[in-house]
Amino acid sequence: MMPKNSAEIQYVCSRVTLYYNCRIELKWKRSLHHCEKCDLRSDFKGWGTQCGAIHYGRCTPVTFPFPQNYNRRKGNSQNAWIPVAKVSPTRPSDFSQQNIPQHLNLPNSAKESKKDALPLDYNDSASQPRESPNEPDKENTNISSFITASPTVKTVHGAKEPEKSKRRENKIQLYNNLNNVKIPQFYHPYGKPVTNQRKDDGLQRAVQEIGKLEDGKAFKQHMKTITKACNLPLYWKALLFHASGGDKLGYITKESFTSMWKKVFLPCHDEAAQFVKLAAKQDCNYLEEDDFFNLIQDVVDSHPGLTFLLDAPEFHSRYINTVIARIFYSINRSWSGRITISELRKSNFLQTLALLEQEDDINQITDFFSYEHFYVIYCKFWELDKDHDLYISKEDLARHNDHALSLKVIDRIFSGSVIKGTNLKDGRMSYPEFVWFLMSEEDKKHPTSIEYWFRCMDLDGDGVISMYEMEYFYDEQMQKMESLGIEKLPFEDCLCQMLDLVRPKVLGKITLSDLKSCKMANIFFDTFFNLDKFLDHEQRDPFANARDFDSDATEPSDWEKYAAEEYEILVAEEGSNDQEEIHYEDDFEPDDEELINQELKRVQQTNSAQFLGGGDSGARDEDIYDFSTDNLGY
């Protein structure tokens, strides 16, 4: 074999347009070749990677212009740019069509060359007519260079630059197109604006109503007509009065009402945003508990179904706290203590508030405002609160429902891991916290109740109820069953039942979404917390739960059923106590008076008989106050 700077064979037929994948070969100063019988294939022990060049005929090494001082071991040079070679295609004069191989196997290192060069080159060479050997070939005019030296080689710098510039132009064009496209606004935090909505009409009517009043001052009793003039729900009147500065001056004017209207109703486009902006503190987009106080107090003072509360002002604050606790229990899904506009928009609170204007019997509105529900909750709390300081301890809560709850879950509730509050950590539960507890205990199908008891069972706070945590709470249930002489169910069997009931996505790990989707979370939690309800579920018809699941959605919730039953029991107990007091007065007090009168009359008659000397001597000697005999004289 000849040295690398010359070629011995006269004809080297190569049809390669661009040696794109030959950069690795250039590092070794090797010829560009693809031949199974190449002499240089085995010289470099595993480094003889096929370059991807397409050859017709026999291949031998040819020279390639490359810097002689190039060092393949140099670390910085490996990442440097390597020039791409372009070899002028040549074809021998005695080349025939039969010499073209039918199947060309390219190496893996030439994937892009195969895609770009192979189909075009192969079809071109096959479709070109065969020229006469006497006619000179334009591409083979320099055929002697292959006899004495290397083929014509051109180094093309920056072969990728046209492609990069094209991509850059495409990106710029796409960016310009995106800037020209106008995407409509899809996020409206204060409600989607409504076209042709004339908000100033309500303001003008309200200003006219205020102008009719004496000195242009509107007091609290005038807010009803002003609110209706604005086409707003009736029980927004207290919020309008407060937001217009009426609490400071005792009245509002045209100017204060107009200023309030521009701040609240012009930037807000739906009821939820307007209500939050109206009731919240300045520069706040959320509602806290004290923001509802004026609203609920106005309902107590003006609703016809609560007129009897006007004579008992000491119950106003307790009713208001109950309603506010129920509002946050149902609406505040984030458990943050702050009701946002989106949370209020997803709830039914504004619809319920508007319904108060139409319904005179407030007990018919079971959401939030029912006085019967308040009566049941407060009576249950008053029974547990022995010292009546409006706080209950662990021992007080353990007496709830005849010690039905397990002590472990009571410890979890007072640990502060369920509801945020400093009172619970101090070992005391306030009245609003008891409202959350009682509603969660009696309606375990409610989303908030499921989250409440899930937090109790999730001991390590990893968002999963494991088998260890289920066994931890079930041990106390087994001890209770054993003490009562009830045949206990082993934990293994109970675990199988619960897994079949919930059907978690990950076996052995129950998540919050699993409990919400199974629709029977009440059975799951009662199994570990409440022994009485657990036994009721065990003795119940097995198909009853399926019927409850398929029942109509308009059926009252578990909480509404419980409140209605307890209210009837409490009213019956109170009525029986009143009847006993009435019978006591009728049976004893009048009889005593009659006996006294009879005795006085008899004594007077006896004294008069003695004074007149009538009667026998035995009667005179008889002592009427001698009770030693059985004859008492009446």
Foldseek 3Di string as FASTA:
>chain_A
DDDQFADADLDWFFDAFWQPLQQLVVLVQWAQDADPPEPCQPVPPPSNDHRFTDTQDDDYHAGDDDDPPRHSPDPVVVPDDDWIKGFQGDDDLPDDPVSDDPDDDGDPSCPVSCVPPVVVRVVVVVPDDRDDSVDDDPSCPPSVCNNTGGGDMDTDPPPCVVVVVVVVVVVVVVVVVVVVDDDDDDDDQQDDADPPDDQCQLLVQLQVQLVVDPPSWAALVSQQVSCVSSVHFRLCSLLLCVQLPCVPVRTHGSVSSVVSCCQQVPSHHDDLSSVQSSQDDPPDQWDALVSCLSSLLVCCVDQLQNPVCVVPVVCSVLLSLLLSLLVCLQQVPVLPRIHGSVSVVPDCVSVLSSCSVVDRNQCVSVRRRHPLLSVLLVVQQVVLPPVPPQKHFLVSVCPRPNNQWDSLLSVLLLCCQQHHDPQSVVRIDGSSNSSSVVVLLQFVLRLSSLSRVVSSQCPVPPQKRALVSQVVLLVRLQVVCVVVVHDDDDSVVVLVVVCVQQVDPDPRIDGSVSCNVSSPVSQVSCNRTGNVVVVVVVPDDPCVVVCVVVDDPPDDGSSVVVSVVSSVVVVVVVVVVVVVVVCVCVPPVVVVVVVVVVVVVVVVVLVVCVVVVDDDPVSVPDDQPDVPDPCNPD
